[in-house]
């Protein structure tokens, strides 16, 4: 995985204001990369469970790379999330 500036964007940043109106440091929450990868993982789990052929293709792909199915799903999820972040960066102004 490539480390880039987009990997540290927050999905749900929260800024607190104290009683005097001073703004406290922002709590970054989950990273946007992790947020996107969770959705990608969910989609892959749903599609691989849709039929026997999809599940077998996933197992075969994992085996070819010397990975467990779980590792392959995680790898796919972050690869897709990185692609989403790179595409998103084109539209960030």
C-alpha atoms as a PDB file:
ATOM      1  CA  UNK A   1       0.000   0.000   0.000  1.00  0.00           C
ATOM      2  CA  UNK A   2       1.272   3.441  -0.846  1.00  0.00           C
ATOM      3  CA  UNK A   3       1.401   5.968   1.951  1.00  0.00           C
ATOM      4  CA  UNK A   4       0.144   9.283   0.669  1.00  0.00           C
ATOM      5  CA  UNK A   5      -1.429  12.393   2.061  1.00  0.00           C
ATOM      6  CA  UNK A   6      -4.874  10.995   1.355  1.00  0.00           C
ATOM      7  CA  UNK A   7      -4.379   8.064   3.723  1.00  0.00           C
ATOM      8  CA  UNK A   8      -4.638  10.359   6.726  1.00  0.00           C
ATOM      9  CA  UNK A   9      -7.839  12.199   5.836  1.00  0.00           C
ATOM     10  CA  UNK A  10     -10.477  11.763   8.517  1.00  0.00           C
ATOM     11  CA  UNK A  11     -13.831  10.189   7.717  1.00  0.00           C
ATOM     12  CA  UNK A  12     -15.637  11.800  10.629  1.00  0.00           C
ATOM     13  CA  UNK A  13     -13.578  14.687  12.017  1.00  0.00           C
ATOM     14  CA  UNK A  14     -15.005  16.332  15.108  1.00  0.00           C
ATOM     15  CA  UNK A  15     -14.014  19.719  16.462  1.00  0.00           C
ATOM     16  CA  UNK A  16     -14.979  20.509  20.030  1.00  0.00           C
ATOM     17  CA  UNK A  17     -15.684  23.919  21.493  1.00  0.00           C
ATOM     18  CA  UNK A  18     -15.252  24.404  25.216  1.00  0.00           C
ATOM     19  CA  UNK A  19     -17.562  26.465  27.447  1.00  0.00           C
ATOM     20  CA  UNK A  20     -15.603  29.654  26.736  1.00  0.00           C
ATOM     21  CA  UNK A  21     -15.996  29.224  22.996  1.00  0.00           C
ATOM     22  CA  UNK A  22     -12.393  28.178  22.413  1.00  0.00           C
ATOM     23  CA  UNK A  23     -11.965  25.563  19.740  1.00  0.00           C
ATOM     24  CA  UNK A  24     -10.228  22.440  20.985  1.00  0.00           C
ATOM     25  CA  UNK A  25      -8.040  20.234  18.792  1.00  0.00           C
ATOM     26  CA  UNK A  26      -9.894  18.237  16.160  1.00  0.00           C
ATOM     27  CA  UNK A  27     -10.398  14.557  16.843  1.00  0.00           C
ATOM     28  CA  UNK A  28      -9.796  12.826  13.505  1.00  0.00           C
ATOM     29  CA  UNK A  29     -11.844   9.694  14.082  1.00  0.00           C
ATOM     30  CA  UNK A  30     -11.612   6.864  11.559  1.00  0.00           C
ATOM     31  CA  UNK A  31      -9.507   7.507   8.489  1.00  0.00           C
ATOM     32  CA  UNK A  32     -11.329   7.938   5.212  1.00  0.00           C
ATOM     33  CA  UNK A  33      -9.151   5.180   3.743  1.00  0.00           C
ATOM     34  CA  UNK A  34     -10.351   2.759   6.456  1.00  0.00           C
ATOM     35  CA  UNK A  35     -13.938   3.890   5.925  1.00  0.00           C
ATOM     36  CA  UNK A  36     -13.784   3.230   2.178  1.00  0.00           C
ATOM     37  CA  UNK A  37     -12.039  -0.112   2.696  1.00  0.00           C
ATOM     38  CA  UNK A  38     -14.779  -1.234   5.092  1.00  0.00           C
ATOM     39  CA  UNK A  39     -17.395  -0.648   2.401  1.00  0.00           C
ATOM     40  CA  UNK A  40     -15.266  -2.421  -0.201  1.00  0.00           C
ATOM     41  CA  UNK A  41     -14.790  -5.376   2.152  1.00  0.00           C
ATOM     42  CA  UNK A  42     -18.516  -5.532   2.818  1.00  0.00           C
ATOM     43  CA  UNK A  43     -19.263  -5.566  -0.921  1.00  0.00           C
ATOM     44  CA  UNK A  44     -16.746  -8.332  -1.557  1.00  0.00           C
ATOM     45  CA  UNK A  45     -18.119 -10.442   1.279  1.00  0.00           C
ATOM     46  CA  UNK A  46     -21.640 -10.029  -0.087  1.00  0.00           C
ATOM     47  CA  UNK A  47     -20.644 -10.857  -3.655  1.00  0.00           C
ATOM     48  CA  UNK A  48     -18.476 -13.844  -2.720  1.00  0.00           C
ATOM     49  CA  UNK A  49     -21.348 -15.243  -0.716  1.00  0.00           C
ATOM     50  CA  UNK A  50     -23.762 -14.777  -3.618  1.00  0.00           C
ATOM     51  CA  UNK A  51     -22.910 -18.019  -5.364  1.00  0.00           C
ATOM     52  CA  UNK A  52     -20.502 -20.928  -5.369  1.00  0.00           C
ATOM     53  CA  UNK A  53     -18.530 -19.661  -8.390  1.00  0.00           C
ATOM     54  CA  UNK A  54     -17.760 -16.283  -6.784  1.00  0.00           C
ATOM     55  CA  UNK A  55     -16.656 -17.939  -3.533  1.00  0.00           C
ATOM     56  CA  UNK A  56     -14.459 -20.417  -5.403  1.00  0.00           C
ATOM     57  CA  UNK A  57     -12.877 -17.628  -7.486  1.00  0.00           C
ATOM     58  CA  UNK A  58     -12.009 -15.762  -4.285  1.00  0.00           C
ATOM     59  CA  UNK A  59     -10.520 -18.877  -2.677  1.00  0.00           C
ATOM     60  CA  UNK A  60      -8.503 -19.655  -5.809  1.00  0.00           C
ATOM     61  CA  UNK A  61      -7.191 -16.076  -6.044  1.00  0.00           C
ATOM     62  CA  UNK A  62      -6.125 -16.171  -2.398  1.00  0.00           C
ATOM     63  CA  UNK A  63      -4.400 -19.518  -2.845  1.00  0.00           C
ATOM     64  CA  UNK A  64      -2.480 -18.310  -5.930  1.00  0.00           C
ATOM     65  CA  UNK A  65      -1.070 -15.421  -3.890  1.00  0.00           C
ATOM     66  CA  UNK A  66      -0.300 -17.593  -0.870  1.00  0.00           C
ATOM     67  CA  UNK A  67      -2.884 -15.788   1.247  1.00  0.00           C
ATOM     68  CA  UNK A  68      -5.815 -16.809   3.371  1.00  0.00           C
ATOM     69  CA  UNK A  69      -9.224 -15.757   2.090  1.00  0.00           C
ATOM     70  CA  UNK A  70      -9.379 -13.159   4.862  1.00  0.00           C
ATOM     71  CA  UNK A  71      -6.011 -11.699   3.860  1.00  0.00           C
ATOM     72  CA  UNK A  72      -7.069 -11.561   0.211  1.00  0.00           C
ATOM     73  CA  UNK A  73     -10.310  -9.766   1.086  1.00  0.00           C
ATOM     74  CA  UNK A  74      -8.392  -7.228   3.188  1.00  0.00           C
ATOM     75  CA  UNK A  75      -5.838  -6.707   0.402  1.00  0.00           C
ATOM     76  CA  UNK A  76      -8.608  -6.184  -2.159  1.00  0.00           C
ATOM     77  CA  UNK A  77     -10.498  -3.815   0.127  1.00  0.00           C
ATOM     78  CA  UNK A  78      -7.520  -1.532   0.720  1.00  0.00           C
ATOM     79  CA  UNK A  79      -6.481  -1.617  -2.937  1.00  0.00           C
ATOM     80  CA  UNK A  80      -9.966  -0.474  -3.941  1.00  0.00           C
ATOM     81  CA  UNK A  81     -10.052   2.114  -1.136  1.00  0.00           C
ATOM     82  CA  UNK A  82      -6.725   3.555  -2.319  1.00  0.00           C
ATOM     83  CA  UNK A  83      -8.101   3.826  -5.858  1.00  0.00           C
ATOM     84  CA  UNK A  84     -11.168   5.606  -4.486  1.00  0.00           C
ATOM     85  CA  UNK A  85      -8.990   8.053  -2.539  1.00  0.00           C
ATOM     86  CA  UNK A  86      -6.869   8.809  -5.609  1.00  0.00           C
ATOM     87  CA  UNK A  87      -9.971   9.442  -7.678  1.00  0.00           C
ATOM     88  CA  UNK A  88     -11.466  11.602  -4.916  1.00  0.00           C
ATOM     89  CA  UNK A  89      -8.288  13.706  -4.851  1.00  0.00           C
ATOM     90  CA  UNK A  90      -9.009  14.799  -8.435  1.00  0.00           C
ATOM     91  CA  UNK A  91     -12.122  16.585  -7.193  1.00  0.00           C
ATOM     92  CA  UNK A  92     -10.798  18.046  -3.923  1.00  0.00           C
ATOM     93  CA  UNK A  93     -10.338  21.757  -4.315  1.00  0.00           C
END
